[in-house]
Full PDB file with SEQRES, HELIX, SHEET, SSBOND, CRYST1, ORIGX, SCALE, CONECT and MASTER records, all heavy atoms in Angstrom:
SEQRES   1 A   36  LEU LEU SER LEU SER TYR SER SER PRO GLN THR LEU GLU          
SEQRES   2 A   36  PRO ARG SER VAL PRO PHE ASP PRO THR SER ASN ALA PHE          
SEQRES   3 A   36  GLY TRP TRP THR TYR ARG ARG VAL ILE ASP                      
HELIX    1 AA1 TRP A   28  TYR A   31  1                                   4    
SHEET    1 AA1 2 SER A   5  SER A   7  0                                        
SHEET    2 AA1 2 PRO A  14  SER A  16 -1                                        
CRYST1    1.000    1.000    1.000  90.00  90.00  90.00 P 1           1          
ORIGX1      1.000000  0.000000  0.000000        0.00000                         
ORIGX2      0.000000  1.000000  0.000000        0.00000                         
ORIGX3      0.000000  0.000000  1.000000        0.00000                         
SCALE1      1.000000  0.000000  0.000000        0.00000                         
SCALE2      0.000000  1.000000  0.000000        0.00000                         
SCALE3      0.000000  0.000000  1.000000        0.00000                         
ATOM      1  N   LEU A   1     -16.323   1.761   5.687  1.00  0.00           N  
ATOM      2  CA  LEU A   1     -15.552   0.645   5.138  1.00  0.00           C  
ATOM      3  C   LEU A   1     -14.320   0.373   5.989  1.00  0.00           C  
ATOM      4  O   LEU A   1     -13.975  -0.795   6.238  1.00  0.00           O  
ATOM      5  CB  LEU A   1     -15.151   0.975   3.694  1.00  0.00           C  
ATOM      6  CG  LEU A   1     -14.442  -0.137   2.920  1.00  0.00           C  
ATOM      7  CD1 LEU A   1     -15.338  -1.354   2.746  1.00  0.00           C  
ATOM      8  CD2 LEU A   1     -13.978   0.380   1.553  1.00  0.00           C  
ATOM      9  N   LEU A   2     -13.640   1.437   6.432  1.00  0.00           N  
ATOM     10  CA  LEU A   2     -12.453   1.273   7.274  1.00  0.00           C  
ATOM     11  C   LEU A   2     -12.900   1.072   8.716  1.00  0.00           C  
ATOM     12  O   LEU A   2     -13.026   2.003   9.507  1.00  0.00           O  
ATOM     13  CB  LEU A   2     -11.526   2.485   7.146  1.00  0.00           C  
ATOM     14  CG  LEU A   2     -10.984   2.766   5.751  1.00  0.00           C  
ATOM     15  CD1 LEU A   2      -9.894   3.828   5.806  1.00  0.00           C  
ATOM     16  CD2 LEU A   2     -10.469   1.504   5.081  1.00  0.00           C  
ATOM     17  N   SER A   3     -13.170  -0.172   9.012  1.00  0.00           N  
ATOM     18  CA  SER A   3     -13.695  -0.568  10.317  1.00  0.00           C  
ATOM     19  C   SER A   3     -13.439  -2.052  10.486  1.00  0.00           C  
ATOM     20  O   SER A   3     -13.213  -2.769   9.504  1.00  0.00           O  
ATOM     21  CB  SER A   3     -15.201  -0.271  10.389  1.00  0.00           C  
ATOM     22  OG  SER A   3     -15.784  -0.906  11.509  1.00  0.00           O  
ATOM     23  N   LEU A   4     -13.460  -2.527  11.721  1.00  0.00           N  
ATOM     24  CA  LEU A   4     -13.352  -3.964  11.959  1.00  0.00           C  
ATOM     25  C   LEU A   4     -14.694  -4.668  11.817  1.00  0.00           C  
ATOM     26  O   LEU A   4     -14.789  -5.887  11.940  1.00  0.00           O  
ATOM     27  CB  LEU A   4     -12.757  -4.232  13.342  1.00  0.00           C  
ATOM     28  CG  LEU A   4     -11.331  -3.725  13.548  1.00  0.00           C  
ATOM     29  CD1 LEU A   4     -10.814  -4.127  14.921  1.00  0.00           C  
ATOM     30  CD2 LEU A   4     -10.390  -4.249  12.453  1.00  0.00           C  
ATOM     31  N   SER A   5     -15.742  -3.888  11.563  1.00  0.00           N  
ATOM     32  CA  SER A   5     -17.067  -4.460  11.322  1.00  0.00           C  
ATOM     33  C   SER A   5     -17.366  -4.456   9.825  1.00  0.00           C  
ATOM     34  O   SER A   5     -16.905  -3.577   9.087  1.00  0.00           O  
ATOM     35  CB  SER A   5     -18.140  -3.658  12.064  1.00  0.00           C  
ATOM     36  OG  SER A   5     -17.975  -3.774  13.459  1.00  0.00           O  
ATOM     37  N   TYR A   6     -18.123  -5.422   9.416  1.00  0.00           N  
ATOM     38  CA  TYR A   6     -18.543  -5.509   8.014  1.00  0.00           C  
ATOM     39  C   TYR A   6     -19.850  -6.285   7.967  1.00  0.00           C  
ATOM     40  O   TYR A   6     -20.335  -6.793   8.987  1.00  0.00           O  
ATOM     41  CB  TYR A   6     -17.472  -6.188   7.161  1.00  0.00           C  
ATOM     42  CG  TYR A   6     -17.308  -7.675   7.376  1.00  0.00           C  
ATOM     43  CD1 TYR A   6     -17.627  -8.577   6.362  1.00  0.00           C  
ATOM     44  CD2 TYR A   6     -16.835  -8.200   8.579  1.00  0.00           C  
ATOM     45  CE1 TYR A   6     -17.481  -9.949   6.545  1.00  0.00           C  
ATOM     46  CE2 TYR A   6     -16.677  -9.556   8.772  1.00  0.00           C  
ATOM     47  CZ  TYR A   6     -17.004 -10.436   7.749  1.00  0.00           C  
ATOM     48  OH  TYR A   6     -16.858 -11.781   7.943  1.00  0.00           O  
ATOM     49  N   SER A   7     -20.450  -6.369   6.795  1.00  0.00           N  
ATOM     50  CA  SER A   7     -21.697  -7.122   6.664  1.00  0.00           C  
ATOM     51  C   SER A   7     -21.385  -8.610   6.573  1.00  0.00           C  
ATOM     52  O   SER A   7     -20.615  -9.034   5.702  1.00  0.00           O  
ATOM     53  CB  SER A   7     -22.447  -6.692   5.402  1.00  0.00           C  
ATOM     54  OG  SER A   7     -22.916  -5.371   5.525  1.00  0.00           O  
ATOM     55  N   SER A   8     -21.960  -9.401   7.452  1.00  0.00           N  
ATOM     56  CA  SER A   8     -21.770 -10.841   7.393  1.00  0.00           C  
ATOM     57  C   SER A   8     -22.265 -11.349   6.048  1.00  0.00           C  
ATOM     58  O   SER A   8     -23.404 -11.073   5.653  1.00  0.00           O  
ATOM     59  CB  SER A   8     -22.547 -11.528   8.512  1.00  0.00           C  
ATOM     60  OG  SER A   8     -22.575 -12.933   8.307  1.00  0.00           O  
ATOM     61  N   PRO A   9     -21.454 -12.084   5.290  1.00  0.00           N  
ATOM     62  CA  PRO A   9     -21.890 -12.531   3.966  1.00  0.00           C  
ATOM     63  C   PRO A   9     -23.171 -13.356   3.983  1.00  0.00           C  
ATOM     64  O   PRO A   9     -23.979 -13.247   3.057  1.00  0.00           O  
ATOM     65  CB  PRO A   9     -20.700 -13.362   3.475  1.00  0.00           C  
ATOM     66  CG  PRO A   9     -19.525 -12.785   4.190  1.00  0.00           C  
ATOM     67  CD  PRO A   9     -20.042 -12.409   5.543  1.00  0.00           C  
ATOM     68  N   GLN A  10     -23.371 -14.168   5.020  1.00  0.00           N  
ATOM     69  CA  GLN A  10     -24.543 -15.040   5.056  1.00  0.00           C  
ATOM     70  C   GLN A  10     -25.802 -14.320   5.543  1.00  0.00           C  
ATOM     71  O   GLN A  10     -26.882 -14.506   4.987  1.00  0.00           O  
ATOM     72  CB  GLN A  10     -24.285 -16.262   5.943  1.00  0.00           C  
ATOM     73  CG  GLN A  10     -23.351 -17.297   5.335  1.00  0.00           C  
ATOM     74  CD  GLN A  10     -21.897 -16.910   5.484  1.00  0.00           C  
ATOM     75  OE1 GLN A  10     -21.454 -16.487   6.540  1.00  0.00           O  
ATOM     76  NE2 GLN A  10     -21.134 -17.042   4.408  1.00  0.00           N  
ATOM     77  N   THR A  11     -25.682 -13.476   6.566  1.00  0.00           N  
ATOM     78  CA  THR A  11     -26.864 -12.850   7.168  1.00  0.00           C  
ATOM     79  C   THR A  11     -27.026 -11.385   6.789  1.00  0.00           C  
ATOM     80  O   THR A  11     -28.123 -10.829   6.946  1.00  0.00           O  
ATOM     81  CB  THR A  11     -26.779 -12.939   8.696  1.00  0.00           C  
ATOM     82  OG1 THR A  11     -25.704 -12.098   9.166  1.00  0.00           O  
ATOM     83  CG2 THR A  11     -26.539 -14.372   9.153  1.00  0.00           C  
ATOM     84  N   LEU A  12     -25.933 -10.736   6.330  1.00  0.00           N  
ATOM     85  CA  LEU A  12     -25.871  -9.311   6.015  1.00  0.00           C  
ATOM     86  C   LEU A  12     -26.055  -8.427   7.251  1.00  0.00           C  
ATOM     87  O   LEU A  12     -26.185  -7.212   7.142  1.00  0.00           O  
ATOM     88  CB  LEU A  12     -26.894  -8.940   4.930  1.00  0.00           C  
ATOM     89  CG  LEU A  12     -26.691  -9.662   3.592  1.00  0.00           C  
ATOM     90  CD1 LEU A  12     -27.733  -9.214   2.575  1.00  0.00           C  
ATOM     91  CD2 LEU A  12     -25.284  -9.430   3.055  1.00  0.00           C  
ATOM     92  N   GLU A  13     -26.039  -9.041   8.432  1.00  0.00           N  
ATOM     93  CA  GLU A  13     -26.040  -8.282   9.676  1.00  0.00           C  
ATOM     94  C   GLU A  13     -24.613  -7.831   9.996  1.00  0.00           C  
ATOM     95  O   GLU A  13     -23.638  -8.464   9.589  1.00  0.00           O  
ATOM     96  CB  GLU A  13     -26.573  -9.149  10.821  1.00  0.00           C  
ATOM     97  CG  GLU A  13     -28.030  -9.547  10.664  1.00  0.00           C  
ATOM     98  CD  GLU A  13     -28.955  -8.343  10.710  1.00  0.00           C  
ATOM     99  OE1 GLU A  13     -28.691  -7.428  11.520  1.00  0.00           O  
ATOM    100  OE2 GLU A  13     -29.908  -8.307   9.916  1.00  0.00           O  
ATOM    101  N   PRO A  14     -24.454  -6.720  10.727  1.00  0.00           N  
ATOM    102  CA  PRO A  14     -23.104  -6.278  11.097  1.00  0.00           C  
ATOM    103  C   PRO A  14     -22.365  -7.361  11.872  1.00  0.00           C  
ATOM    104  O   PRO A  14     -22.927  -8.011  12.759  1.00  0.00           O  
ATOM    105  CB  PRO A  14     -23.361  -5.048  11.969  1.00  0.00           C  
ATOM    106  CG  PRO A  14     -24.696  -4.545  11.526  1.00  0.00           C  
ATOM    107  CD  PRO A  14     -25.491  -5.768  11.182  1.00  0.00           C  
ATOM    108  N   ARG A  15     -21.126  -7.561  11.510  1.00  0.00           N  
ATOM    109  CA  ARG A  15     -20.288  -8.566  12.169  1.00  0.00           C  
ATOM    110  C   ARG A  15     -18.923  -7.956  12.409  1.00  0.00           C  
ATOM    111  O   ARG A  15     -18.366  -7.307  11.525  1.00  0.00           O  
ATOM    112  CB  ARG A  15     -20.151  -9.816  11.298  1.00  0.00           C  
ATOM    113  CG  ARG A  15     -19.295 -10.906  11.926  1.00  0.00           C  
ATOM    114  CD  ARG A  15     -18.996 -12.009  10.932  1.00  0.00           C  
ATOM    115  NE  ARG A  15     -18.245 -13.087  11.536  1.00  0.00           N  
ATOM    116  CZ  ARG A  15     -17.623 -14.043  10.844  1.00  0.00           C  
ATOM    117  NH1 ARG A  15     -17.658 -14.031   9.535  1.00  0.00           N  
ATOM    118  NH2 ARG A  15     -16.959 -14.998  11.470  1.00  0.00           N  
ATOM    119  N   SER A  16     -18.375  -8.163  13.593  1.00  0.00           N  
ATOM    120  CA  SER A  16     -17.065  -7.626  13.933  1.00  0.00           C  
ATOM    121  C   SER A  16     -16.055  -8.763  14.045  1.00  0.00           C  
ATOM    122  O   SER A  16     -16.324  -9.783  14.689  1.00  0.00           O  
ATOM    123  CB  SER A  16     -17.125  -6.846  15.254  1.00  0.00           C  
ATOM    124  OG  SER A  16     -15.865  -6.269  15.541  1.00  0.00           O  
ATOM    125  N   VAL A  17     -14.920  -8.588  13.388  1.00  0.00           N  
ATOM    126  CA  VAL A  17     -13.827  -9.563  13.452  1.00  0.00           C  
ATOM    127  C   VAL A  17     -12.618  -8.849  14.034  1.00  0.00           C  
ATOM    128  O   VAL A  17     -12.254  -7.753  13.566  1.00  0.00           O  
ATOM    129  CB  VAL A  17     -13.506 -10.130  12.061  1.00  0.00           C  
ATOM    130  CG1 VAL A  17     -12.258 -11.009  12.101  1.00  0.00           C  
ATOM    131  CG2 VAL A  17     -14.683 -10.932  11.530  1.00  0.00           C  
ATOM    132  N   PRO A  18     -11.978  -9.400  15.046  1.00  0.00           N  
ATOM    133  CA  PRO A  18     -10.859  -8.700  15.692  1.00  0.00           C  
ATOM    134  C   PRO A  18      -9.625  -8.636  14.807  1.00  0.00           C  
ATOM    135  O   PRO A  18      -9.420  -9.477  13.932  1.00  0.00           O  
ATOM    136  CB  PRO A  18     -10.602  -9.536  16.950  1.00  0.00           C  
ATOM    137  CG  PRO A  18     -11.131 -10.895  16.630  1.00  0.00           C  
ATOM    138  CD  PRO A  18     -12.298 -10.682  15.723  1.00  0.00           C  
ATOM    139  N   PHE A  19      -8.809  -7.626  15.057  1.00  0.00           N  
ATOM    140  CA  PHE A  19      -7.502  -7.522  14.427  1.00  0.00           C  
ATOM    141  C   PHE A  19      -6.466  -7.330  15.519  1.00  0.00           C  
ATOM    142  O   PHE A  19      -6.480  -6.331  16.239  1.00  0.00           O  
ATOM    143  CB  PHE A  19      -7.441  -6.346  13.452  1.00  0.00           C  
ATOM    144  CG  PHE A  19      -6.065  -6.172  12.839  1.00  0.00           C  
ATOM    145  CD1 PHE A  19      -5.637  -7.006  11.822  1.00  0.00           C  
ATOM    146  CD2 PHE A  19      -5.196  -5.181  13.292  1.00  0.00           C  
ATOM    147  CE1 PHE A  19      -4.372  -6.860  11.259  1.00  0.00           C  
ATOM    148  CE2 PHE A  19      -3.939  -5.023  12.740  1.00  0.00           C  
ATOM    149  CZ  PHE A  19      -3.529  -5.867  11.722  1.00  0.00           C  
ATOM    150  N   ASP A  20      -5.582  -8.312  15.655  1.00  0.00           N  
ATOM    151  CA  ASP A  20      -4.526  -8.254  16.659  1.00  0.00           C  
ATOM    152  C   ASP A  20      -3.325  -9.012  16.116  1.00  0.00           C  
ATOM    153  O   ASP A  20      -3.290 -10.251  16.142  1.00  0.00           O  
ATOM    154  CB  ASP A  20      -4.991  -8.866  17.982  1.00  0.00           C  
ATOM    155  CG  ASP A  20      -3.936  -8.739  19.086  1.00  0.00           C  
ATOM    156  OD1 ASP A  20      -2.796  -8.344  18.780  1.00  0.00           O  
ATOM    157  OD2 ASP A  20      -4.255  -9.064  20.250  1.00  0.00           O  
ATOM    158  N   PRO A  21      -2.331  -8.320  15.561  1.00  0.00           N  
ATOM    159  CA  PRO A  21      -1.191  -9.005  14.952  1.00  0.00           C  
ATOM    160  C   PRO A  21      -0.250  -9.659  15.956  1.00  0.00           C  
ATOM    161  O   PRO A  21       0.754 -10.244  15.552  1.00  0.00           O  
ATOM    162  CB  PRO A  21      -0.478  -7.884  14.189  1.00  0.00           C  
ATOM    163  CG  PRO A  21      -0.859  -6.638  14.904  1.00  0.00           C  
ATOM    164  CD  PRO A  21      -2.252  -6.860  15.408  1.00  0.00           C  
ATOM    165  N   THR A  22      -0.575  -9.586  17.258  1.00  0.00           N  
ATOM    166  CA  THR A  22       0.238 -10.292  18.262  1.00  0.00           C  
ATOM    167  C   THR A  22      -0.426 -11.583  18.712  1.00  0.00           C  
ATOM    168  O   THR A  22       0.131 -12.296  19.544  1.00  0.00           O  
ATOM    169  CB  THR A  22       0.449  -9.395  19.500  1.00  0.00           C  
ATOM    170  OG1 THR A  22      -0.806  -9.198  20.176  1.00  0.00           O  
ATOM    171  CG2 THR A  22       1.031  -8.047  19.110  1.00  0.00           C  
ATOM    172  N   SER A  23      -1.596 -11.896  18.168  1.00  0.00           N  
ATOM    173  CA  SER A  23      -2.369 -13.038  18.635  1.00  0.00           C  
ATOM    174  C   SER A  23      -2.532 -14.081  17.535  1.00  0.00           C  
ATOM    175  O   SER A  23      -2.666 -13.747  16.350  1.00  0.00           O  
ATOM    176  CB  SER A  23      -3.753 -12.572  19.107  1.00  0.00           C  
ATOM    177  OG  SER A  23      -4.588 -13.670  19.379  1.00  0.00           O  
ATOM    178  N   ASN A  24      -2.555 -15.345  17.934  1.00  0.00           N  
ATOM    179  CA  ASN A  24      -2.835 -16.444  17.010  1.00  0.00           C  
ATOM    180  C   ASN A  24      -4.307 -16.806  16.995  1.00  0.00           C  
ATOM    181  O   ASN A  24      -4.702 -17.762  16.312  1.00  0.00           O  
ATOM    182  CB  ASN A  24      -2.026 -17.684  17.388  1.00  0.00           C  
ATOM    183  CG  ASN A  24      -0.602 -17.601  16.859  1.00  0.00           C  
ATOM    184  OD1 ASN A  24      -0.367 -17.163  15.732  1.00  0.00           O  
ATOM    185  ND2 ASN A  24       0.354 -18.016  17.675  1.00  0.00           N  
ATOM    186  N   ALA A  25      -5.117 -16.065  17.722  1.00  0.00           N  
ATOM    187  CA  ALA A  25      -6.544 -16.365  17.768  1.00  0.00           C  
ATOM    188  C   ALA A  25      -7.197 -15.981  16.440  1.00  0.00           C  
ATOM    189  O   ALA A  25      -6.617 -15.316  15.582  1.00  0.00           O  
ATOM    190  CB  ALA A  25      -7.194 -15.603  18.919  1.00  0.00           C  
ATOM    191  N   PHE A  26      -8.452 -16.399  16.285  1.00  0.00           N  
ATOM    192  CA  PHE A  26      -9.213 -16.063  15.086  1.00  0.00           C  
ATOM    193  C   PHE A  26      -9.275 -14.547  14.909  1.00  0.00           C  
ATOM    194  O   PHE A  26      -9.521 -13.804  15.855  1.00  0.00           O  
ATOM    195  CB  PHE A  26     -10.629 -16.621  15.190  1.00  0.00           C  
ATOM    196  CG  PHE A  26     -11.569 -16.095  14.131  1.00  0.00           C  
ATOM    197  CD1 PHE A  26     -11.536 -16.605  12.847  1.00  0.00           C  
ATOM    198  CD2 PHE A  26     -12.464 -15.068  14.421  1.00  0.00           C  
ATOM    199  CE1 PHE A  26     -12.386 -16.122  11.871  1.00  0.00           C  
ATOM    200  CE2 PHE A  26     -13.316 -14.584  13.453  1.00  0.00           C  
ATOM    201  CZ  PHE A  26     -13.276 -15.108  12.173  1.00  0.00           C  
ATOM    202  N   GLY A  27      -9.057 -14.089  13.694  1.00  0.00           N  
ATOM    203  CA  GLY A  27      -9.135 -12.662  13.392  1.00  0.00           C  
ATOM    204  C   GLY A  27      -8.572 -12.393  12.020  1.00  0.00           C  
ATOM    205  O   GLY A  27      -8.119 -13.300  11.313  1.00  0.00           O  
ATOM    206  N   TRP A  28      -8.600 -11.117  11.632  1.00  0.00           N  
ATOM    207  CA  TRP A  28      -8.101 -10.772  10.301  1.00  0.00           C  
ATOM    208  C   TRP A  28      -6.631 -11.108  10.140  1.00  0.00           C  
ATOM    209  O   TRP A  28      -6.184 -11.476   9.046  1.00  0.00           O  
ATOM    210  CB  TRP A  28      -8.319  -9.278  10.030  1.00  0.00           C  
ATOM    211  CG  TRP A  28      -9.744  -8.870   9.887  1.00  0.00           C  
ATOM    212  CD1 TRP A  28     -10.422  -7.941  10.619  1.00  0.00           C  
ATOM    213  CD2 TRP A  28     -10.703  -9.375   8.936  1.00  0.00           C  
ATOM    214  NE1 TRP A  28     -11.722  -7.837  10.197  1.00  0.00           N  
ATOM    215  CE2 TRP A  28     -11.927  -8.711   9.165  1.00  0.00           C  
ATOM    216  CE3 TRP A  28     -10.642 -10.329   7.925  1.00  0.00           C  
ATOM    217  CZ2 TRP A  28     -13.069  -8.968   8.414  1.00  0.00           C  
ATOM    218  CZ3 TRP A  28     -11.777 -10.592   7.174  1.00  0.00           C  
ATOM    219  CH2 TRP A  28     -12.976  -9.909   7.417  1.00  0.00           C  
ATOM    220  N   TRP A  29      -5.847 -11.000  11.196  1.00  0.00           N  
ATOM    221  CA  TRP A  29      -4.405 -11.242  11.068  1.00  0.00           C  
ATOM    222  C   TRP A  29      -4.112 -12.682  10.659  1.00  0.00           C  
ATOM    223  O   TRP A  29      -3.262 -12.937   9.796  1.00  0.00           O  
ATOM    224  CB  TRP A  29      -3.696 -10.907  12.376  1.00  0.00           C  
ATOM    225  CG  TRP A  29      -2.221 -11.152  12.313  1.00  0.00           C  
ATOM    226  CD1 TRP A  29      -1.514 -12.169  12.882  1.00  0.00           C  
ATOM    227  CD2 TRP A  29      -1.258 -10.357  11.610  1.00  0.00           C  
ATOM    228  NE1 TRP A  29      -0.188 -12.069  12.580  1.00  0.00           N  
ATOM    229  CE2 TRP A  29       0.000 -10.956  11.802  1.00  0.00           C  
ATOM    230  CE3 TRP A  29      -1.341  -9.199  10.839  1.00  0.00           C  
ATOM    231  CZ2 TRP A  29       1.173 -10.435  11.244  1.00  0.00           C  
ATOM    232  CZ3 TRP A  29      -0.174  -8.676  10.287  1.00  0.00           C  
ATOM    233  CH2 TRP A  29       1.058  -9.298  10.498  1.00  0.00           C  
ATOM    234  N   THR A  30      -4.784 -13.638  11.255  1.00  0.00           N  
ATOM    235  CA  THR A  30      -4.493 -15.044  10.968  1.00  0.00           C  
ATOM    236  C   THR A  30      -5.287 -15.583   9.783  1.00  0.00           C  
ATOM    237  O   THR A  30      -5.022 -16.689   9.324  1.00  0.00           O  
ATOM    238  CB  THR A  30      -4.780 -15.914  12.202  1.00  0.00           C  
ATOM    239  OG1 THR A  30      -6.146 -15.713  12.617  1.00  0.00           O  
ATOM    240  CG2 THR A  30      -3.850 -15.577  13.341  1.00  0.00           C  
ATOM    241  N   TYR A  31      -6.244 -14.808   9.275  1.00  0.00           N  
ATOM    242  CA  TYR A  31      -7.133 -15.317   8.234  1.00  0.00           C  
ATOM    243  C   TYR A  31      -6.353 -15.749   6.991  1.00  0.00           C  
ATOM    244  O   TYR A  31      -6.496 -16.870   6.503  1.00  0.00           O  
ATOM    245  CB  TYR A  31      -8.158 -14.236   7.878  1.00  0.00           C  
ATOM    246  CG  TYR A  31      -9.174 -14.668   6.852  1.00  0.00           C  
ATOM    247  CD1 TYR A  31      -9.894 -15.849   7.009  1.00  0.00           C  
ATOM    248  CD2 TYR A  31      -9.427 -13.888   5.731  1.00  0.00           C  
ATOM    249  CE1 TYR A  31     -10.841 -16.240   6.075  1.00  0.00           C  
ATOM    250  CE2 TYR A  31     -10.374 -14.267   4.797  1.00  0.00           C  
ATOM    251  CZ  TYR A  31     -11.072 -15.443   4.965  1.00  0.00           C  
ATOM    252  OH  TYR A  31     -11.998 -15.821   4.036  1.00  0.00           O  
ATOM    253  N   ARG A  32      -5.515 -14.861   6.457  1.00  0.00           N  
ATOM    254  CA  ARG A  32      -4.708 -15.203   5.283  1.00  0.00           C  
ATOM    255  C   ARG A  32      -3.211 -15.014   5.575  1.00  0.00           C  
ATOM    256  O   ARG A  32      -2.445 -14.585   4.700  1.00  0.00           O  
ATOM    257  CB  ARG A  32      -5.118 -14.341   4.079  1.00  0.00           C  
ATOM    258  CG  ARG A  32      -6.525 -14.617   3.571  1.00  0.00           C  
ATOM    259  CD  ARG A  32      -6.816 -13.835   2.297  1.00  0.00           C  
ATOM    260  NE  ARG A  32      -8.195 -13.932   1.885  1.00  0.00           N  
ATOM    261  CZ  ARG A  32      -8.700 -14.881   1.089  1.00  0.00           C  
ATOM    262  NH1 ARG A  32      -7.911 -15.839   0.647  1.00  0.00           N  
ATOM    263  NH2 ARG A  32      -9.975 -14.878   0.749  1.00  0.00           N  
ATOM    264  N   ARG A  33      -2.800 -15.337   6.779  1.00  0.00           N  
ATOM    265  CA  ARG A  33      -1.381 -15.208   7.113  1.00  0.00           C  
ATOM    266  C   ARG A  33      -0.554 -16.178   6.266  1.00  0.00           C  
ATOM    267  O   ARG A  33      -0.881 -17.361   6.133  1.00  0.00           O  
ATOM    268  CB  ARG A  33      -1.165 -15.495   8.600  1.00  0.00           C  
ATOM    269  CG  ARG A  33       0.269 -15.255   9.069  1.00  0.00           C  
ATOM    270  CD  ARG A  33       0.387 -15.387  10.577  1.00  0.00           C  
ATOM    271  NE  ARG A  33      -0.122 -16.675  11.039  1.00  0.00           N  
ATOM    272  CZ  ARG A  33      -0.301 -16.999  12.323  1.00  0.00           C  
ATOM    273  NH1 ARG A  33      -0.040 -16.106  13.265  1.00  0.00           N  
ATOM    274  NH2 ARG A  33      -0.753 -18.184  12.651  1.00  0.00           N  
ATOM    275  N   VAL A  34       0.528 -15.698   5.675  1.00  0.00           N  
ATOM    276  CA  VAL A  34       1.334 -16.512   4.772  1.00  0.00           C  
ATOM    277  C   VAL A  34       2.695 -16.880   5.359  1.00  0.00           C  
ATOM    278  O   VAL A  34       3.370 -17.779   4.836  1.00  0.00           O  
ATOM    279  CB  VAL A  34       1.522 -15.800   3.418  1.00  0.00           C  
ATOM    280  CG1 VAL A  34       0.184 -15.586   2.735  1.00  0.00           C  
ATOM    281  CG2 VAL A  34       2.270 -14.477   3.564  1.00  0.00           C  
ATOM    282  N   ILE A  35       3.120 -16.205   6.405  1.00  0.00           N  
ATOM    283  CA  ILE A  35       4.352 -16.566   7.114  1.00  0.00           C  
ATOM    284  C   ILE A  35       4.068 -16.530   8.603  1.00  0.00           C  
ATOM    285  O   ILE A  35       3.693 -15.488   9.143  1.00  0.00           O  
ATOM    286  CB  ILE A  35       5.513 -15.608   6.780  1.00  0.00           C  
ATOM    287  CG1 ILE A  35       5.911 -15.733   5.313  1.00  0.00           C  
ATOM    288  CG2 ILE A  35       6.716 -15.884   7.686  1.00  0.00           C  
ATOM    289  CD1 ILE A  35       7.003 -14.758   4.882  1.00  0.00           C  
ATOM    290  N   ASP A  36       4.228 -17.671   9.263  1.00  0.00           N  
ATOM    291  CA  ASP A  36       4.065 -17.779  10.713  1.00  0.00           C  
ATOM    292  C   ASP A  36       5.439 -18.049  11.326  1.00  0.00           C  
ATOM    293  O   ASP A  36       6.033 -19.106  11.076  1.00  0.00           O  
ATOM    294  CB  ASP A  36       3.096 -18.921  11.050  1.00  0.00           C  
ATOM    295  CG  ASP A  36       2.873 -19.066  12.548  1.00  0.00           C  
ATOM    296  OD1 ASP A  36       3.492 -18.314  13.329  1.00  0.00           O  
ATOM    297  OD2 ASP A  36       2.073 -19.945  12.944  1.00  0.00           O  
TER     298      ASP A  36                                                      
MASTER        0    0    0    1    2    0    0    6  297    1    0    3          
END                                                                             
């Protein structure tokens, strides 16, 4: 569970989403960011 990979909701295949709190690119950090 503690991983950057998870089951894709649509395909249930492993999917990796990056985490980089210094980047504005797509990833967990910007997904629900509330203060930019």
